[in-house]
């Protein structure tokens, strides 16, 4: 029982630490978001220049950008997720 409580407290502490804003995390988030936006907008611009019929409409381009951003959101926000350690729940004490 005590071990489960310790593990729950450790997991809660890790989640709080992961969500804490630091200048490094914010800088990485800004850089990843800007790089992602630049790559996606460049790709859409190139496909539009190659006369892909669906990308001639600005609203479709915006919608495509939004869908790609929603798909990439977990990667972009990975800095603020607690790290899952495979050893936290799998170690068992033998004899204690």
Protein backbone atom coordinates (compact mmCIF):
# COMPACT_ATOMS: atom_id res chain seq x y z
CA UNK A 1 0.00 0.00 0.00
CA UNK A 2 2.69 2.46 0.96
CA UNK A 3 4.54 1.83 -2.26
CA UNK A 4 1.44 2.61 -4.30
CA UNK A 5 1.04 5.90 -2.42
CA UNK A 6 4.68 6.76 -3.04
CA UNK A 7 4.31 5.96 -6.73
CA UNK A 8 1.16 8.07 -7.01
CA UNK A 9 2.86 10.99 -5.28
CA UNK A 10 5.91 10.65 -7.53
CA UNK A 11 3.70 10.58 -10.63
CA UNK A 12 1.77 13.65 -9.44
CA UNK A 13 5.03 15.48 -8.71
CA UNK A 14 6.38 14.57 -12.17
CA UNK A 15 3.19 15.88 -13.80
CA UNK A 16 3.46 19.19 -11.93
CA UNK A 17 7.13 19.54 -12.85
CA UNK A 18 6.39 18.77 -16.51
CA UNK A 19 3.72 21.47 -16.71
CA UNK A 20 5.91 24.13 -15.09
CA UNK A 21 6.87 26.88 -17.54
CA UNK A 22 10.57 27.55 -17.92
CA UNK A 23 12.28 29.85 -20.40
CA UNK A 24 13.86 26.84 -22.11
CA UNK A 25 10.54 25.07 -22.61
CA UNK A 26 8.90 28.22 -23.94
CA UNK A 27 11.81 28.86 -26.32
CA UNK A 28 11.66 25.27 -27.64
CA UNK A 29 7.89 25.53 -28.07
CA UNK A 30 8.22 28.81 -30.02
CA UNK A 31 11.01 27.44 -32.22
CA UNK A 32 9.18 24.18 -32.97
CA UNK A 33 5.95 26.04 -33.74
CA UNK A 34 7.66 28.56 -36.03
CA UNK A 35 9.61 25.86 -37.86
CA UNK A 36 6.47 23.77 -38.26
CA UNK A 37 4.43 26.74 -39.53
CA UNK A 38 7.18 27.70 -41.98
CA UNK A 39 7.46 24.18 -43.38
CA UNK A 40 3.69 23.71 -43.73
CA UNK A 41 3.11 27.12 -45.33
CA UNK A 42 6.03 26.58 -47.72
CA UNK A 43 4.65 23.18 -48.71
CA UNK A 44 1.17 24.58 -49.30
CA UNK A 45 2.60 27.49 -51.31
CA UNK A 46 4.63 25.12 -53.47
CA UNK A 47 1.66 22.83 -54.06
CA UNK A 48 -0.44 25.88 -54.94
CA UNK A 49 2.24 27.05 -57.39
CA UNK A 50 2.21 23.62 -58.99
CA UNK A 51 -1.48 24.17 -59.73
CA UNK A 52 -2.94 21.57 -57.42
CA UNK A 53 -6.63 22.37 -57.95
CA UNK A 54 -7.76 21.96 -54.34
CA UNK A 55 -5.18 24.43 -53.04
CA UNK A 56 -6.33 27.34 -55.20
CA UNK A 57 -8.79 28.43 -52.53
CA UNK A 58 -7.38 30.33 -49.51
CA UNK A 59 -9.96 28.85 -47.14
CA UNK A 60 -8.99 25.32 -48.13
CA UNK A 61 -5.34 26.20 -47.58
CA UNK A 62 -6.17 27.58 -44.14
CA UNK A 63 -8.25 24.51 -43.30
CA UNK A 64 -5.44 22.19 -44.39
CA UNK A 65 -2.95 24.14 -42.26
CA UNK A 66 -5.30 23.86 -39.29
CA UNK A 67 -5.76 20.11 -39.74
CA UNK A 68 -2.02 19.52 -40.01
CA UNK A 69 -1.42 21.66 -36.90
CA UNK A 70 -4.04 19.70 -34.95
CA UNK A 71 -2.36 16.45 -36.02
CA UNK A 72 1.07 17.76 -34.94
CA UNK A 73 -0.16 19.26 -31.65
CA UNK A 74 0.99 16.32 -29.48
CA UNK A 75 4.53 16.65 -30.88
CA UNK A 76 4.59 20.42 -30.43
CA UNK A 77 3.35 20.23 -26.83
CA UNK A 78 5.48 17.25 -25.82
CA UNK A 79 7.59 19.51 -23.59
CA UNK A 80 4.67 19.89 -21.19
CA UNK A 81 3.82 16.19 -20.83
CA UNK A 82 5.26 14.17 -17.96
CA UNK A 83 7.91 11.70 -19.04
CA UNK A 84 6.66 8.13 -18.74
CA UNK A 85 9.33 6.05 -17.13
CA UNK A 86 8.93 2.35 -17.74
CA UNK A 87 10.73 1.51 -14.50
CA UNK A 88 8.38 3.33 -12.13
CA UNK A 89 5.60 0.76 -12.08
CA UNK A 90 7.47 -2.36 -13.19
CA UNK A 91 10.00 -2.76 -10.36
CA UNK A 92 8.81 -4.94 -7.54
CA UNK A 93 10.59 -5.51 -4.31
CA UNK A 94 11.38 -9.14 -3.64
CA UNK A 95 11.42 -9.85 0.05
CA UNK A 96 10.49 -6.46 1.50
